[in-house]
Amino acid sequence: LMDNWPAVYGALLALTIAFLRITYNGGSGRRRLIESILCGLITLAASTATQMLGMPQEATPFLGGVVGLLGIDIIRDRAKQMFGKEENNHAA
């Protein structure tokens, strides 16, 4: 667990920030639960790629904070834009 502590800490930070952000904006309990868990899981998945992206593993809590603050909707929209551009480049 200690070797993976930055990833766990980042995921918990994303979960907490997302939960508080949705609560502050007046979101429902179901949305708070689902989006908070998704933010934590996305951070956990992305933490495995930090070294491939040139980031130290200790930066994972920062990544978790950003994921929790942006939320699932913005991250999904950016991913669609990014992968949509790649698909169009391969088709040409």
Protein backbone atom coordinates (compact mmCIF):
# COMPACT_ATOMS: atom_id res chain seq x y z
CA LEU A 1 0.00 0.00 0.00
CA MET A 2 2.82 2.41 0.80
CA ASP A 3 4.28 2.00 -2.71
CA ASN A 4 0.95 3.00 -4.21
CA TRP A 5 0.08 5.68 -1.66
CA PRO A 6 0.26 8.63 -4.12
CA ALA A 7 -2.26 6.89 -6.41
CA VAL A 8 -4.58 6.04 -3.51
CA TYR A 9 -4.27 9.57 -2.10
CA GLY A 10 -4.97 11.08 -5.54
CA ALA A 11 -8.06 8.91 -6.02
CA LEU A 12 -9.41 9.80 -2.57
CA LEU A 13 -8.72 13.47 -3.23
CA ALA A 14 -10.59 13.33 -6.56
CA LEU A 15 -13.51 11.54 -4.90
CA THR A 16 -13.71 14.10 -2.09
CA ILE A 17 -13.37 17.18 -4.30
CA ALA A 18 -15.99 15.90 -6.75
CA PHE A 19 -18.40 15.10 -3.92
CA LEU A 20 -17.99 18.54 -2.37
CA ARG A 21 -18.20 20.32 -5.76
CA ILE A 22 -21.49 18.62 -6.61
CA THR A 23 -22.86 19.23 -3.11
CA TYR A 24 -21.95 22.92 -3.38
CA ASN A 25 -23.72 23.16 -6.74
CA GLY A 26 -26.87 21.52 -5.31
CA GLY A 27 -26.56 18.16 -7.08
CA SER A 28 -28.59 15.12 -6.08
CA GLY A 29 -27.31 12.31 -3.88
CA ARG A 30 -27.20 9.84 -6.75
CA ARG A 31 -25.13 12.17 -8.92
CA ARG A 32 -22.77 12.91 -6.01
CA LEU A 33 -22.18 9.22 -5.43
CA ILE A 34 -21.73 8.16 -9.05
CA GLU A 35 -19.60 11.07 -10.22
CA SER A 36 -17.41 11.00 -7.12
CA ILE A 37 -16.65 7.31 -7.60
CA LEU A 38 -15.99 7.83 -11.32
CA CYS A 39 -13.57 10.69 -10.60
CA GLY A 40 -11.70 8.49 -8.13
CA LEU A 41 -11.51 5.61 -10.59
CA ILE A 42 -10.37 7.83 -13.47
CA THR A 43 -7.62 9.22 -11.26
CA LEU A 44 -6.59 5.71 -10.23
CA ALA A 45 -6.45 4.64 -13.88
CA ALA A 46 -4.58 7.78 -14.98
CA SER A 47 -2.08 7.42 -12.15
CA THR A 48 -0.62 4.40 -13.89
CA ALA A 49 0.33 6.61 -16.84
CA THR A 50 1.98 9.46 -14.94
CA GLN A 51 5.50 8.22 -15.59
CA MET A 52 4.71 7.62 -19.28
CA LEU A 53 3.60 11.25 -19.48
CA GLY A 54 6.80 12.44 -17.83
CA MET A 55 5.20 13.24 -14.47
CA PRO A 56 6.55 11.85 -11.20
CA GLN A 57 4.22 9.53 -9.32
CA GLU A 58 4.17 12.08 -6.49
CA ALA A 59 2.13 14.36 -8.80
CA THR A 60 -0.84 11.98 -8.69
CA PRO A 61 -2.62 13.93 -5.90
CA PHE A 62 -2.47 17.01 -8.15
CA LEU A 63 -3.96 14.95 -10.96
CA GLY A 64 -6.71 13.79 -8.60
CA GLY A 65 -7.46 17.35 -7.59
CA VAL A 66 -7.79 18.42 -11.21
CA VAL A 67 -10.02 15.47 -12.11
CA GLY A 68 -12.27 16.10 -9.11
CA LEU A 69 -12.50 19.82 -9.85
CA LEU A 70 -13.22 19.45 -13.58
CA GLY A 71 -15.66 16.57 -13.24
CA ILE A 72 -16.73 13.78 -15.52
CA ASP A 73 -18.62 15.91 -18.06
CA ILE A 74 -15.64 18.11 -18.94
CA ILE A 75 -13.21 15.19 -18.99
CA ARG A 76 -15.53 13.20 -21.27
CA ASP A 77 -15.98 16.16 -23.64
CA ARG A 78 -12.21 16.71 -23.86
CA ALA A 79 -11.60 13.01 -24.47
CA LYS A 80 -14.19 13.01 -27.26
CA GLN A 81 -12.51 16.02 -28.86
CA MET A 82 -9.06 14.48 -28.57
CA PHE A 83 -10.01 11.06 -29.91
CA GLY A 84 -12.38 12.53 -32.51
CA LYS A 85 -9.48 14.47 -34.04
CA GLU A 86 -7.37 11.33 -34.19
CA GLU A 87 -10.12 9.41 -35.98
CA ASN A 88 -10.48 12.17 -38.57
CA ASN A 89 -6.71 12.24 -39.19
CA HIS A 90 -6.63 8.47 -39.78
CA ALA A 91 -9.56 8.63 -42.18
CA ALA A 92 -7.83 11.16 -44.46
